[in-house]
């Protein structure tokens, strides 16, 4: 791949039926490109977690995905309430998800820790009252 492939997705807010469609689509594309299944799994998990976070906490957002010969870069932006304490939010099990969201099986507080675990490079910027941007990179080659 000399050129990079750029994809854009709108992440719908509060719609758990559609949540995960963007990461599922990226998974299909990576499979068609012949990317190593172990890498596809890492990209899928990290992107899905970020996507679900945008649905749960921010009424949706956008996902920009760039696939080139070296890596997959995913930037998920939302205009939600923001994260007042990123260090706290990064702790496994910490969650601000509502009871209704937890009853659906989401909001266990593993989203951000899982994104970090499955990505090679993870950055998060959040401004309270403005929103959050998560950048995920997964290398295609060791």
C-alpha atoms as a PDB file:
ATOM      1  CA  UNK A   1       0.000   0.000   0.000  1.00  0.00           C
ATOM      2  CA  UNK A   2       1.694   3.158  -1.162  1.00  0.00           C
ATOM      3  CA  UNK A   3      -1.331   5.328  -0.627  1.00  0.00           C
ATOM      4  CA  UNK A   4      -3.228   5.538   2.571  1.00  0.00           C
ATOM      5  CA  UNK A   5      -6.899   4.692   2.818  1.00  0.00           C
ATOM      6  CA  UNK A   6      -8.956   7.308   4.658  1.00  0.00           C
ATOM      7  CA  UNK A   7     -12.366   6.494   6.110  1.00  0.00           C
ATOM      8  CA  UNK A   8     -14.897   8.656   7.921  1.00  0.00           C
ATOM      9  CA  UNK A   9     -17.742   7.446  10.118  1.00  0.00           C
ATOM     10  CA  UNK A  10     -20.496   9.194  12.038  1.00  0.00           C
ATOM     11  CA  UNK A  11     -21.042   7.500  15.383  1.00  0.00           C
ATOM     12  CA  UNK A  12     -24.724   7.740  16.365  1.00  0.00           C
ATOM     13  CA  UNK A  13     -25.507   8.758  19.928  1.00  0.00           C
ATOM     14  CA  UNK A  14     -27.424   6.532  22.338  1.00  0.00           C
ATOM     15  CA  UNK A  15     -27.977   3.884  19.657  1.00  0.00           C
ATOM     16  CA  UNK A  16     -26.539   0.615  20.904  1.00  0.00           C
ATOM     17  CA  UNK A  17     -27.917  -1.251  17.873  1.00  0.00           C
ATOM     18  CA  UNK A  18     -25.670   0.783  15.558  1.00  0.00           C
ATOM     19  CA  UNK A  19     -22.764   1.097  17.999  1.00  0.00           C
ATOM     20  CA  UNK A  20     -19.771  -0.806  16.702  1.00  0.00           C
ATOM     21  CA  UNK A  21     -20.675  -0.477  13.015  1.00  0.00           C
ATOM     22  CA  UNK A  22     -17.610   1.655  12.238  1.00  0.00           C
ATOM     23  CA  UNK A  23     -15.178  -0.751  13.934  1.00  0.00           C
ATOM     24  CA  UNK A  24     -16.922  -3.686  12.260  1.00  0.00           C
ATOM     25  CA  UNK A  25     -16.515  -2.018   8.855  1.00  0.00           C
ATOM     26  CA  UNK A  26     -12.815  -1.307   9.488  1.00  0.00           C
ATOM     27  CA  UNK A  27     -12.356  -4.957  10.515  1.00  0.00           C
ATOM     28  CA  UNK A  28     -13.819  -6.079   7.148  1.00  0.00           C
ATOM     29  CA  UNK A  29     -11.537  -3.722   5.216  1.00  0.00           C
ATOM     30  CA  UNK A  30      -8.419  -4.870   7.091  1.00  0.00           C
ATOM     31  CA  UNK A  31      -9.405  -8.490   6.432  1.00  0.00           C
ATOM     32  CA  UNK A  32      -9.786  -7.735   2.709  1.00  0.00           C
ATOM     33  CA  UNK A  33      -6.352  -6.078   2.749  1.00  0.00           C
ATOM     34  CA  UNK A  34      -4.860  -9.270   4.191  1.00  0.00           C
ATOM     35  CA  UNK A  35      -3.748  -7.771   7.497  1.00  0.00           C
ATOM     36  CA  UNK A  36      -2.604 -10.227  10.181  1.00  0.00           C
ATOM     37  CA  UNK A  37      -5.691 -11.431  12.142  1.00  0.00           C
ATOM     38  CA  UNK A  38      -3.991 -10.719  15.509  1.00  0.00           C
ATOM     39  CA  UNK A  39      -3.510  -7.082  14.469  1.00  0.00           C
ATOM     40  CA  UNK A  40      -7.078  -6.856  13.155  1.00  0.00           C
ATOM     41  CA  UNK A  41      -8.303  -8.086  16.550  1.00  0.00           C
ATOM     42  CA  UNK A  42      -6.319  -5.372  18.375  1.00  0.00           C
ATOM     43  CA  UNK A  43      -7.588  -2.630  16.036  1.00  0.00           C
ATOM     44  CA  UNK A  44     -11.179  -3.888  16.357  1.00  0.00           C
ATOM     45  CA  UNK A  45     -11.162  -4.019  20.163  1.00  0.00           C
ATOM     46  CA  UNK A  46      -9.503  -0.614  20.627  1.00  0.00           C
ATOM     47  CA  UNK A  47     -11.760   1.093  18.085  1.00  0.00           C
ATOM     48  CA  UNK A  48     -14.927  -0.586  19.380  1.00  0.00           C
ATOM     49  CA  UNK A  49     -14.190   0.544  22.953  1.00  0.00           C
ATOM     50  CA  UNK A  50     -13.637   4.140  21.815  1.00  0.00           C
ATOM     51  CA  UNK A  51     -16.766   4.013  19.671  1.00  0.00           C
ATOM     52  CA  UNK A  52     -18.897   2.684  22.555  1.00  0.00           C
ATOM     53  CA  UNK A  53     -17.504   5.392  24.863  1.00  0.00           C
ATOM     54  CA  UNK A  54     -18.663   8.057  22.395  1.00  0.00           C
ATOM     55  CA  UNK A  55     -22.144   6.460  22.323  1.00  0.00           C
ATOM     56  CA  UNK A  56     -22.422   6.081  26.114  1.00  0.00           C
ATOM     57  CA  UNK A  57     -20.925   9.337  27.300  1.00  0.00           C
ATOM     58  CA  UNK A  58     -21.127  11.851  24.467  1.00  0.00           C
ATOM     59  CA  UNK A  59     -24.214  11.255  22.337  1.00  0.00           C
ATOM     60  CA  UNK A  60     -22.001   9.972  19.523  1.00  0.00           C
ATOM     61  CA  UNK A  61     -19.219  11.576  17.547  1.00  0.00           C
ATOM     62  CA  UNK A  62     -17.003  10.943  14.550  1.00  0.00           C
ATOM     63  CA  UNK A  63     -14.330   8.407  13.685  1.00  0.00           C
ATOM     64  CA  UNK A  64     -11.521   9.154  11.247  1.00  0.00           C
ATOM     65  CA  UNK A  65      -9.523   6.100  10.235  1.00  0.00           C
ATOM     66  CA  UNK A  66      -6.349   6.073   8.168  1.00  0.00           C
ATOM     67  CA  UNK A  67      -4.776   2.836   7.016  1.00  0.00           C
ATOM     68  CA  UNK A  68      -1.323   2.974   5.452  1.00  0.00           C
ATOM     69  CA  UNK A  69       1.447   0.433   4.939  1.00  0.00           C
ATOM     70  CA  UNK A  70       2.789   0.919   8.487  1.00  0.00           C
ATOM     71  CA  UNK A  71      -0.156   1.478  10.783  1.00  0.00           C
ATOM     72  CA  UNK A  72      -3.839   2.039  11.393  1.00  0.00           C
ATOM     73  CA  UNK A  73      -4.629   5.420  12.938  1.00  0.00           C
ATOM     74  CA  UNK A  74      -8.043   5.988  14.493  1.00  0.00           C
ATOM     75  CA  UNK A  75      -9.206   9.354  15.787  1.00  0.00           C
ATOM     76  CA  UNK A  76     -12.534   9.411  17.567  1.00  0.00           C
ATOM     77  CA  UNK A  77     -13.906  12.819  18.519  1.00  0.00           C
ATOM     78  CA  UNK A  78     -16.987  13.725  20.463  1.00  0.00           C
ATOM     79  CA  UNK A  79     -18.584  16.853  21.815  1.00  0.00           C
ATOM     80  CA  UNK A  80     -19.630  15.287  25.085  1.00  0.00           C
ATOM     81  CA  UNK A  81     -19.164  16.484  28.657  1.00  0.00           C
ATOM     82  CA  UNK A  82     -15.422  15.754  28.644  1.00  0.00           C
ATOM     83  CA  UNK A  83     -13.422  13.851  31.245  1.00  0.00           C
ATOM     84  CA  UNK A  84     -12.542  15.869  34.354  1.00  0.00           C
ATOM     85  CA  UNK A  85      -9.885  13.404  35.583  1.00  0.00           C
ATOM     86  CA  UNK A  86      -8.251  11.339  32.820  1.00  0.00           C
ATOM     87  CA  UNK A  87      -5.954   9.528  35.264  1.00  0.00           C
ATOM     88  CA  UNK A  88      -9.003   8.366  37.243  1.00  0.00           C
ATOM     89  CA  UNK A  89     -10.872   7.442  34.040  1.00  0.00           C
ATOM     90  CA  UNK A  90      -7.908   5.276  32.960  1.00  0.00           C
ATOM     91  CA  UNK A  91      -8.263   3.063  36.062  1.00  0.00           C
ATOM     92  CA  UNK A  92      -9.777  -0.356  35.384  1.00  0.00           C
ATOM     93  CA  UNK A  93     -13.320  -0.526  36.729  1.00  0.00           C
ATOM     94  CA  UNK A  94     -13.845   3.240  37.032  1.00  0.00           C
ATOM     95  CA  UNK A  95     -17.020   4.237  35.190  1.00  0.00           C
ATOM     96  CA  UNK A  96     -19.462   7.110  35.023  1.00  0.00           C
ATOM     97  CA  UNK A  97     -21.934   5.125  32.913  1.00  0.00           C
ATOM     98  CA  UNK A  98     -25.581   5.255  33.973  1.00  0.00           C
ATOM     99  CA  UNK A  99     -27.412   2.322  35.545  1.00  0.00           C
ATOM    100  CA  UNK A 100     -29.430   1.900  32.312  1.00  0.00           C
ATOM    101  CA  UNK A 101     -26.203   1.599  30.287  1.00  0.00           C
ATOM    102  CA  UNK A 102     -24.781  -0.920  32.775  1.00  0.00           C
ATOM    103  CA  UNK A 103     -27.962  -3.007  32.506  1.00  0.00           C
ATOM    104  CA  UNK A 104     -27.262  -3.273  28.762  1.00  0.00           C
ATOM    105  CA  UNK A 105     -23.879  -4.802  29.613  1.00  0.00           C
ATOM    106  CA  UNK A 106     -21.770  -1.698  28.954  1.00  0.00           C
ATOM    107  CA  UNK A 107     -19.993   0.744  31.265  1.00  0.00           C
ATOM    108  CA  UNK A 108     -17.829  -1.691  33.215  1.00  0.00           C
ATOM    109  CA  UNK A 109     -14.974   0.800  33.278  1.00  0.00           C
ATOM    110  CA  UNK A 110     -12.698  -1.193  30.957  1.00  0.00           C
ATOM    111  CA  UNK A 111     -13.025   0.974  27.828  1.00  0.00           C
ATOM    112  CA  UNK A 112     -10.049   3.307  28.208  1.00  0.00           C
ATOM    113  CA  UNK A 113      -7.780   0.657  29.812  1.00  0.00           C
ATOM    114  CA  UNK A 114      -8.601  -1.735  26.936  1.00  0.00           C
ATOM    115  CA  UNK A 115      -7.922   0.938  24.307  1.00  0.00           C
ATOM    116  CA  UNK A 116      -4.502   1.537  25.860  1.00  0.00           C
ATOM    117  CA  UNK A 117      -3.830  -2.215  26.179  1.00  0.00           C
ATOM    118  CA  UNK A 118      -4.627  -3.013  22.526  1.00  0.00           C
ATOM    119  CA  UNK A 119      -2.987   0.008  20.863  1.00  0.00           C
ATOM    120  CA  UNK A 120       0.689   0.707  20.194  1.00  0.00           C
ATOM    121  CA  UNK A 121       0.157   4.424  20.713  1.00  0.00           C
ATOM    122  CA  UNK A 122      -2.740   5.944  22.633  1.00  0.00           C
ATOM    123  CA  UNK A 123      -3.438   9.602  23.265  1.00  0.00           C
ATOM    124  CA  UNK A 124      -6.434  11.200  24.904  1.00  0.00           C
ATOM    125  CA  UNK A 125      -7.321  14.860  25.160  1.00  0.00           C
ATOM    126  CA  UNK A 126     -10.410  16.037  26.929  1.00  0.00           C
ATOM    127  CA  UNK A 127     -11.830  19.439  27.772  1.00  0.00           C
ATOM    128  CA  UNK A 128     -14.687  19.528  30.262  1.00  0.00           C
ATOM    129  CA  UNK A 129     -17.781  20.925  28.568  1.00  0.00           C
ATOM    130  CA  UNK A 130     -16.227  20.635  25.077  1.00  0.00           C
ATOM    131  CA  UNK A 131     -15.532  16.977  24.409  1.00  0.00           C
ATOM    132  CA  UNK A 132     -12.900  14.301  24.070  1.00  0.00           C
ATOM    133  CA  UNK A 133     -10.525  13.196  21.323  1.00  0.00           C
ATOM    134  CA  UNK A 134      -8.947   9.762  21.400  1.00  0.00           C
ATOM    135  CA  UNK A 135      -6.097   8.836  19.051  1.00  0.00           C
ATOM    136  CA  UNK A 136      -5.255   5.176  18.602  1.00  0.00           C
ATOM    137  CA  UNK A 137      -2.406   3.777  16.534  1.00  0.00           C
ATOM    138  CA  UNK A 138      -1.776   0.104  15.869  1.00  0.00           C
ATOM    139  CA  UNK A 139       1.361  -0.826  13.962  1.00  0.00           C
ATOM    140  CA  UNK A 140       0.898  -3.280  11.092  1.00  0.00           C
ATOM    141  CA  UNK A 141       4.446  -4.581  11.384  1.00  0.00           C
ATOM    142  CA  UNK A 142       6.247  -5.583  14.585  1.00  0.00           C
END
